[in-house]
Amino acid sequence: MTPTAPIQPTKLNSLQISLLRLFERGMSDEDTLEIRELVVAHMSKKLLAEVERVNEERGYAAADIEAMLNDPS
């Protein structure tokens, strides 16, 4: 495994700034959890779409994925 370069800090984008402003006003634990769940669901959807795209691009079948998951290396 090759070492990766450290992540360099960047400026906040407009979404990050909006979220910080949203949380600045204070919210209940329930609201915070609900927002986290929404973000996780959104990112999961994007990840699954990318996985499907790669599977189609590379022609992977379910058996190929199972073999990769069970590879002892």
PDB file of N, CA and C in Angstrom:
ATOM      1  N   MET A   1       0.847  -1.176   0.000  1.00  0.00           N
ATOM      2  CA  MET A   1       0.000   0.000   0.000  1.00  0.00           C
ATOM      3  C   MET A   1       0.889   1.235   0.000  1.00  0.00           C
ATOM      4  N   THR A   2       0.574   2.163  -0.850  1.00  0.00           N
ATOM      5  CA  THR A   2       1.381   3.378  -0.917  1.00  0.00           C
ATOM      6  C   THR A   2       0.811   4.420   0.037  1.00  0.00           C
ATOM      7  N   PRO A   3       1.709   5.176   0.680  1.00  0.00           N
ATOM      8  CA  PRO A   3       1.207   6.221   1.586  1.00  0.00           C
ATOM      9  C   PRO A   3       0.517   7.322   0.797  1.00  0.00           C
ATOM     10  N   THR A   4      -0.487   7.897   1.395  1.00  0.00           N
ATOM     11  CA  THR A   4      -1.195   8.994   0.730  1.00  0.00           C
ATOM     12  C   THR A   4      -0.744  10.315   1.315  1.00  0.00           C
ATOM     13  N   ALA A   5      -0.827  11.330   0.492  1.00  0.00           N
ATOM     14  CA  ALA A   5      -0.441  12.669   0.937  1.00  0.00           C
ATOM     15  C   ALA A   5      -1.484  13.186   1.926  1.00  0.00           C
ATOM     16  N   PRO A   6      -1.062  13.964   2.894  1.00  0.00           N
ATOM     17  CA  PRO A   6      -2.038  14.526   3.834  1.00  0.00           C
ATOM     18  C   PRO A   6      -3.013  15.448   3.112  1.00  0.00           C
ATOM     19  N   ILE A   7      -4.230  15.466   3.590  1.00  0.00           N
ATOM     20  CA  ILE A   7      -5.253  16.323   2.993  1.00  0.00           C
ATOM     21  C   ILE A   7      -4.982  17.766   3.388  1.00  0.00           C
ATOM     22  N   GLN A   8      -4.917  18.614   2.387  1.00  0.00           N
ATOM     23  CA  GLN A   8      -4.662  20.025   2.625  1.00  0.00           C
ATOM     24  C   GLN A   8      -5.982  20.741   2.909  1.00  0.00           C
ATOM     25  N   PRO A   9      -5.992  21.620   3.885  1.00  0.00           N
ATOM     26  CA  PRO A   9      -7.230  22.356   4.162  1.00  0.00           C
ATOM     27  C   PRO A   9      -7.607  23.245   2.981  1.00  0.00           C
ATOM     28  N   THR A  10      -8.903  23.361   2.768  1.00  0.00           N
ATOM     29  CA  THR A  10      -9.405  24.216   1.701  1.00  0.00           C
ATOM     30  C   THR A  10     -10.434  25.168   2.285  1.00  0.00           C
ATOM     31  N   LYS A  11     -10.822  26.124   1.498  1.00  0.00           N
ATOM     32  CA  LYS A  11     -11.869  27.042   1.933  1.00  0.00           C
ATOM     33  C   LYS A  11     -13.196  26.292   1.976  1.00  0.00           C
ATOM     34  N   LEU A  12     -14.070  26.738   2.847  1.00  0.00           N
ATOM     35  CA  LEU A  12     -15.398  26.146   2.924  1.00  0.00           C
ATOM     36  C   LEU A  12     -16.205  26.534   1.689  1.00  0.00           C
ATOM     37  N   ASN A  13     -16.981  25.575   1.182  1.00  0.00           N
ATOM     38  CA  ASN A  13     -17.848  25.905   0.053  1.00  0.00           C
ATOM     39  C   ASN A  13     -19.159  26.468   0.584  1.00  0.00           C
ATOM     40  N   SER A  14     -20.019  26.902  -0.314  1.00  0.00           N
ATOM     41  CA  SER A  14     -21.254  27.569   0.107  1.00  0.00           C
ATOM     42  C   SER A  14     -22.168  26.649   0.903  1.00  0.00           C
ATOM     43  N   LEU A  15     -22.203  25.370   0.572  1.00  0.00           N
ATOM     44  CA  LEU A  15     -23.033  24.432   1.335  1.00  0.00           C
ATOM     45  C   LEU A  15     -22.526  24.293   2.766  1.00  0.00           C
ATOM     46  N   GLN A  16     -21.213  24.165   2.914  1.00  0.00           N
ATOM     47  CA  GLN A  16     -20.639  24.034   4.255  1.00  0.00           C
ATOM     48  C   GLN A  16     -20.932  25.272   5.098  1.00  0.00           C
ATOM     49  N   ILE A  17     -20.819  26.421   4.500  1.00  0.00           N
ATOM     50  CA  ILE A  17     -21.112  27.670   5.225  1.00  0.00           C
ATOM     51  C   ILE A  17     -22.585  27.717   5.615  1.00  0.00           C
ATOM     52  N   SER A  18     -23.465  27.316   4.706  1.00  0.00           N
ATOM     53  CA  SER A  18     -24.904  27.302   5.010  1.00  0.00           C
ATOM     54  C   SER A  18     -25.206  26.358   6.163  1.00  0.00           C
ATOM     55  N   LEU A  19     -24.579  25.195   6.163  1.00  0.00           N
ATOM     56  CA  LEU A  19     -24.804  24.237   7.252  1.00  0.00           C
ATOM     57  C   LEU A  19     -24.300  24.777   8.582  1.00  0.00           C
ATOM     58  N   LEU A  20     -23.151  25.432   8.558  1.00  0.00           N
ATOM     59  CA  LEU A  20     -22.638  26.021   9.797  1.00  0.00           C
ATOM     60  C   LEU A  20     -23.587  27.083  10.327  1.00  0.00           C
ATOM     61  N   ARG A  21     -24.136  27.887   9.437  1.00  0.00           N
ATOM     62  CA  ARG A  21     -25.092  28.914   9.864  1.00  0.00           C
ATOM     63  C   ARG A  21     -26.372  28.282  10.409  1.00  0.00           C
ATOM     64  N   LEU A  22     -26.783  27.204   9.794  1.00  0.00           N
ATOM     65  CA  LEU A  22     -27.977  26.499  10.255  1.00  0.00           C
ATOM     66  C   LEU A  22     -27.776  25.970  11.675  1.00  0.00           C
ATOM     67  N   PHE A  23     -26.648  25.360  11.929  1.00  0.00           N
ATOM     68  CA  PHE A  23     -26.385  24.795  13.241  1.00  0.00           C
ATOM     69  C   PHE A  23     -26.066  25.863  14.281  1.00  0.00           C
ATOM     70  N   GLU A  24     -25.661  27.032  13.826  1.00  0.00           N
ATOM     71  CA  GLU A  24     -25.340  28.125  14.731  1.00  0.00           C
ATOM     72  C   GLU A  24     -26.573  28.558  15.534  1.00  0.00           C
ATOM     73  N   ARG A  25     -27.738  28.463  14.941  1.00  0.00           N
ATOM     74  CA  ARG A  25     -28.952  28.918  15.611  1.00  0.00           C
ATOM     75  C   ARG A  25     -29.409  27.958  16.695  1.00  0.00           C
ATOM     76  N   GLY A  26     -28.812  26.799  16.762  1.00  0.00           N
ATOM     77  CA  GLY A  26     -29.190  25.816  17.763  1.00  0.00           C
ATOM     78  C   GLY A  26     -30.371  24.992  17.296  1.00  0.00           C
ATOM     79  N   MET A  27     -30.334  23.737  17.558  1.00  0.00           N
ATOM     80  CA  MET A  27     -31.426  22.848  17.196  1.00  0.00           C
ATOM     81  C   MET A  27     -31.469  21.688  18.165  1.00  0.00           C
ATOM     82  N   SER A  28     -32.582  21.034  18.177  1.00  0.00           N
ATOM     83  CA  SER A  28     -32.746  19.902  19.081  1.00  0.00           C
ATOM     84  C   SER A  28     -31.887  18.728  18.602  1.00  0.00           C
ATOM     85  N   ASP A  29     -31.650  17.816  19.518  1.00  0.00           N
ATOM     86  CA  ASP A  29     -30.917  16.604  19.136  1.00  0.00           C
ATOM     87  C   ASP A  29     -31.676  15.837  18.060  1.00  0.00           C
ATOM     88  N   GLU A  30     -33.000  15.865  18.140  1.00  0.00           N
ATOM     89  CA  GLU A  30     -33.828  15.175  17.154  1.00  0.00           C
ATOM     90  C   GLU A  30     -33.639  15.788  15.765  1.00  0.00           C
ATOM     91  N   ASP A  31     -33.624  17.113  15.685  1.00  0.00           N
ATOM     92  CA  ASP A  31     -33.408  17.788  14.393  1.00  0.00           C
ATOM     93  C   ASP A  31     -32.014  17.488  13.853  1.00  0.00           C
ATOM     94  N   THR A  32     -31.036  17.509  14.733  1.00  0.00           N
ATOM     95  CA  THR A  32     -29.664  17.218  14.314  1.00  0.00           C
ATOM     96  C   THR A  32     -29.557  15.814  13.748  1.00  0.00           C
ATOM     97  N   LEU A  33     -30.161  14.855  14.425  1.00  0.00           N
ATOM     98  CA  LEU A  33     -30.137  13.467  13.960  1.00  0.00           C
ATOM     99  C   LEU A  33     -30.847  13.332  12.614  1.00  0.00           C
ATOM    100  N   GLU A  34     -31.965  14.010  12.462  1.00  0.00           N
ATOM    101  CA  GLU A  34     -32.711  13.949  11.209  1.00  0.00           C
ATOM    102  C   GLU A  34     -31.880  14.499  10.048  1.00  0.00           C
ATOM    103  N   ILE A  35     -31.174  15.591  10.272  1.00  0.00           N
ATOM    104  CA  ILE A  35     -30.326  16.167   9.219  1.00  0.00           C
ATOM    105  C   ILE A  35     -29.179  15.226   8.888  1.00  0.00           C
ATOM    106  N   ARG A  36     -28.581  14.628   9.905  1.00  0.00           N
ATOM    107  CA  ARG A  36     -27.505  13.660   9.649  1.00  0.00           C
ATOM    108  C   ARG A  36     -28.014  12.502   8.808  1.00  0.00           C
ATOM    109  N   GLU A  37     -29.200  12.003   9.142  1.00  0.00           N
ATOM    110  CA  GLU A  37     -29.773  10.889   8.386  1.00  0.00           C
ATOM    111  C   GLU A  37     -30.028  11.285   6.937  1.00  0.00           C
ATOM    112  N   LEU A  38     -30.483  12.504   6.715  1.00  0.00           N
ATOM    113  CA  LEU A  38     -30.708  12.982   5.348  1.00  0.00           C
ATOM    114  C   LEU A  38     -29.394  13.038   4.559  1.00  0.00           C
ATOM    115  N   VAL A  39     -28.350  13.536   5.196  1.00  0.00           N
ATOM    116  CA  VAL A  39     -27.054  13.641   4.516  1.00  0.00           C
ATOM    117  C   VAL A  39     -26.500  12.241   4.214  1.00  0.00           C
ATOM    118  N   VAL A  40     -26.599  11.341   5.179  1.00  0.00           N
ATOM    119  CA  VAL A  40     -26.116   9.972   4.969  1.00  0.00           C
ATOM    120  C   VAL A  40     -26.902   9.299   3.846  1.00  0.00           C
ATOM    121  N   ALA A  41     -28.224   9.460   3.829  1.00  0.00           N
ATOM    122  CA  ALA A  41     -29.040   8.860   2.774  1.00  0.00           C
ATOM    123  C   ALA A  41     -28.642   9.417   1.406  1.00  0.00           C
ATOM    124  N   HIS A  42     -28.409  10.722   1.341  1.00  0.00           N
ATOM    125  CA  HIS A  42     -28.008  11.358   0.080  1.00  0.00           C
ATOM    126  C   HIS A  42     -26.654  10.812  -0.399  1.00  0.00           C
ATOM    127  N   MET A  43     -25.693  10.757   0.500  1.00  0.00           N
ATOM    128  CA  MET A  43     -24.357  10.276   0.123  1.00  0.00           C
ATOM    129  C   MET A  43     -24.390   8.787  -0.226  1.00  0.00           C
ATOM    130  N   SER A  44     -25.207   8.009   0.458  1.00  0.00           N
ATOM    131  CA  SER A  44     -25.346   6.582   0.151  1.00  0.00           C
ATOM    132  C   SER A  44     -25.901   6.387  -1.253  1.00  0.00           C
ATOM    133  N   LYS A  45     -26.896   7.184  -1.604  1.00  0.00           N
ATOM    134  CA  LYS A  45     -27.498   7.110  -2.935  1.00  0.00           C
ATOM    135  C   LYS A  45     -26.449   7.404  -4.010  1.00  0.00           C
ATOM    136  N   LYS A  46     -25.642   8.419  -3.774  1.00  0.00           N
ATOM    137  CA  LYS A  46     -24.594   8.779  -4.741  1.00  0.00           C
ATOM    138  C   LYS A  46     -23.543   7.669  -4.839  1.00  0.00           C
ATOM    139  N   LEU A  47     -23.172   7.088  -3.707  1.00  0.00           N
ATOM    140  CA  LEU A  47     -22.181   6.008  -3.698  1.00  0.00           C
ATOM    141  C   LEU A  47     -22.706   4.789  -4.451  1.00  0.00           C
ATOM    142  N   LEU A  48     -23.950   4.406  -4.195  1.00  0.00           N
ATOM    143  CA  LEU A  48     -24.517   3.257  -4.893  1.00  0.00           C
ATOM    144  C   LEU A  48     -24.587   3.490  -6.400  1.00  0.00           C
ATOM    145  N   ALA A  49     -24.921   4.698  -6.809  1.00  0.00           N
ATOM    146  CA  ALA A  49     -24.952   5.019  -8.238  1.00  0.00           C
ATOM    147  C   ALA A  49     -23.564   4.879  -8.852  1.00  0.00           C
ATOM    148  N   GLU A  50     -22.551   5.319  -8.119  1.00  0.00           N
ATOM    149  CA  GLU A  50     -21.167   5.202  -8.623  1.00  0.00           C
ATOM    150  C   GLU A  50     -20.742   3.740  -8.705  1.00  0.00           C
ATOM    151  N   VAL A  51     -21.092   2.954  -7.702  1.00  0.00           N
ATOM    152  CA  VAL A  51     -20.758   1.524  -7.709  1.00  0.00           C
ATOM    153  C   VAL A  51     -21.432   0.842  -8.905  1.00  0.00           C
ATOM    154  N   GLU A  52     -22.692   1.159  -9.142  1.00  0.00           N
ATOM    155  CA  GLU A  52     -23.396   0.577 -10.287  1.00  0.00           C
ATOM    156  C   GLU A  52     -22.736   0.985 -11.598  1.00  0.00           C
ATOM    157  N   ARG A  53     -22.325   2.235 -11.686  1.00  0.00           N
ATOM    158  CA  ARG A  53     -21.661   2.703 -12.914  1.00  0.00           C
ATOM    159  C   ARG A  53     -20.375   1.937 -13.162  1.00  0.00           C
ATOM    160  N   VAL A  54     -19.569   1.764 -12.099  1.00  0.00           N
ATOM    161  CA  VAL A  54     -18.299   1.050 -12.242  1.00  0.00           C
ATOM    162  C   VAL A  54     -18.546  -0.417 -12.587  1.00  0.00           C
ATOM    163  N   ASN A  55     -19.536  -1.027 -11.929  1.00  0.00           N
ATOM    164  CA  ASN A  55     -19.855  -2.427 -12.228  1.00  0.00           C
ATOM    165  C   ASN A  55     -20.228  -2.600 -13.690  1.00  0.00           C
ATOM    166  N   GLU A  56     -21.055  -1.700 -14.212  1.00  0.00           N
ATOM    167  CA  GLU A  56     -21.442  -1.780 -15.619  1.00  0.00           C
ATOM    168  C   GLU A  56     -20.243  -1.533 -16.538  1.00  0.00           C
ATOM    169  N   GLU A  57     -19.439  -0.531 -16.194  1.00  0.00           N
ATOM    170  CA  GLU A  57     -18.275  -0.172 -17.008  1.00  0.00           C
ATOM    171  C   GLU A  57     -17.290  -1.338 -17.095  1.00  0.00           C
ATOM    172  N   ARG A  58     -17.091  -2.028 -15.992  1.00  0.00           N
ATOM    173  CA  ARG A  58     -16.113  -3.124 -15.942  1.00  0.00           C
ATOM    174  C   ARG A  58     -16.726  -4.496 -16.197  1.00  0.00           C
ATOM    175  N   GLY A  59     -18.034  -4.534 -16.311  1.00  0.00           N
ATOM    176  CA  GLY A  59     -18.699  -5.789 -16.610  1.00  0.00           C
ATOM    177  C   GLY A  59     -18.721  -6.776 -15.455  1.00  0.00           C
ATOM    178  N   TYR A  60     -18.714  -6.284 -14.230  1.00  0.00           N
ATOM    179  CA  TYR A  60     -18.742  -7.166 -13.073  1.00  0.00           C
ATOM    180  C   TYR A  60     -20.110  -7.805 -12.912  1.00  0.00           C
ATOM    181  N   ALA A  61     -20.107  -9.092 -12.565  1.00  0.00           N
ATOM    182  CA  ALA A  61     -21.328  -9.813 -12.221  1.00  0.00           C
ATOM    183  C   ALA A  61     -21.324 -10.026 -10.711  1.00  0.00           C
ATOM    184  N   ALA A  62     -22.447 -10.477 -10.190  1.00  0.00           N
ATOM    185  CA  ALA A  62     -22.561 -10.714  -8.746  1.00  0.00           C
ATOM    186  C   ALA A  62     -21.487 -11.693  -8.261  1.00  0.00           C
ATOM    187  N   ALA A  63     -21.182 -12.699  -9.070  1.00  0.00           N
ATOM    188  CA  ALA A  63     -20.164 -13.687  -8.686  1.00  0.00           C
ATOM    189  C   ALA A  63     -18.784 -13.032  -8.573  1.00  0.00           C
ATOM    190  N   ASP A  64     -18.484 -12.072  -9.444  1.00  0.00           N
ATOM    191  CA  ASP A  64     -17.200 -11.364  -9.388  1.00  0.00           C
ATOM    192  C   ASP A  64     -17.082 -10.569  -8.091  1.00  0.00           C
ATOM    193  N   ILE A  65     -18.147  -9.904  -7.717  1.00  0.00           N
ATOM    194  CA  ILE A  65     -18.127  -9.091  -6.495  1.00  0.00           C
ATOM    195  C   ILE A  65     -17.988  -9.990  -5.277  1.00  0.00           C
ATOM    196  N   GLU A  66     -18.712 -11.103  -5.268  1.00  0.00           N
ATOM    197  CA  GLU A  66     -18.625 -12.056  -4.154  1.00  0.00           C
ATOM    198  C   GLU A  66     -17.193 -12.581  -4.031  1.00  0.00           C
ATOM    199  N   ALA A  67     -16.559 -12.881  -5.154  1.00  0.00           N
ATOM    200  CA  ALA A  67     -15.177 -13.372  -5.132  1.00  0.00           C
ATOM    201  C   ALA A  67     -14.232 -12.311  -4.570  1.00  0.00           C
ATOM    202  N   MET A  68     -14.451 -11.037  -4.942  1.00  0.00           N
ATOM    203  CA  MET A  68     -13.599  -9.958  -4.420  1.00  0.00           C
ATOM    204  C   MET A  68     -13.793  -9.804  -2.906  1.00  0.00           C
ATOM    205  N   LEU A  69     -15.031  -9.927  -2.457  1.00  0.00           N
ATOM    206  CA  LEU A  69     -15.304  -9.772  -1.023  1.00  0.00           C
ATOM    207  C   LEU A  69     -14.701 -10.900  -0.204  1.00  0.00           C
ATOM    208  N   ASN A  70     -14.597 -12.080  -0.807  1.00  0.00           N
ATOM    209  CA  ASN A  70     -14.082 -13.256  -0.089  1.00  0.00           C
ATOM    210  C   ASN A  70     -12.603 -13.514  -0.342  1.00  0.00           C
ATOM    211  N   ASP A  71     -11.952 -12.684  -1.123  1.00  0.00           N
ATOM    212  CA  ASP A  71     -10.517 -12.825  -1.407  1.00  0.00           C
ATOM    213  C   ASP A  71      -9.734 -12.598  -0.108  1.00  0.00           C
ATOM    214  N   PRO A  72      -8.912 -13.559   0.314  1.00  0.00           N
ATOM    215  CA  PRO A  72      -8.205 -13.410   1.594  1.00  0.00           C
ATOM    216  C   PRO A  72      -7.112 -12.345   1.604  1.00  0.00           C
ATOM    217  N   SER A  73      -6.737 -11.826   0.462  1.00  0.00           N
ATOM    218  CA  SER A  73      -5.650 -10.844   0.447  1.00  0.00           C
ATOM    219  C   SER A  73      -6.077  -9.523   0.852  1.00  0.00           C
TER     220      SER A  73
END
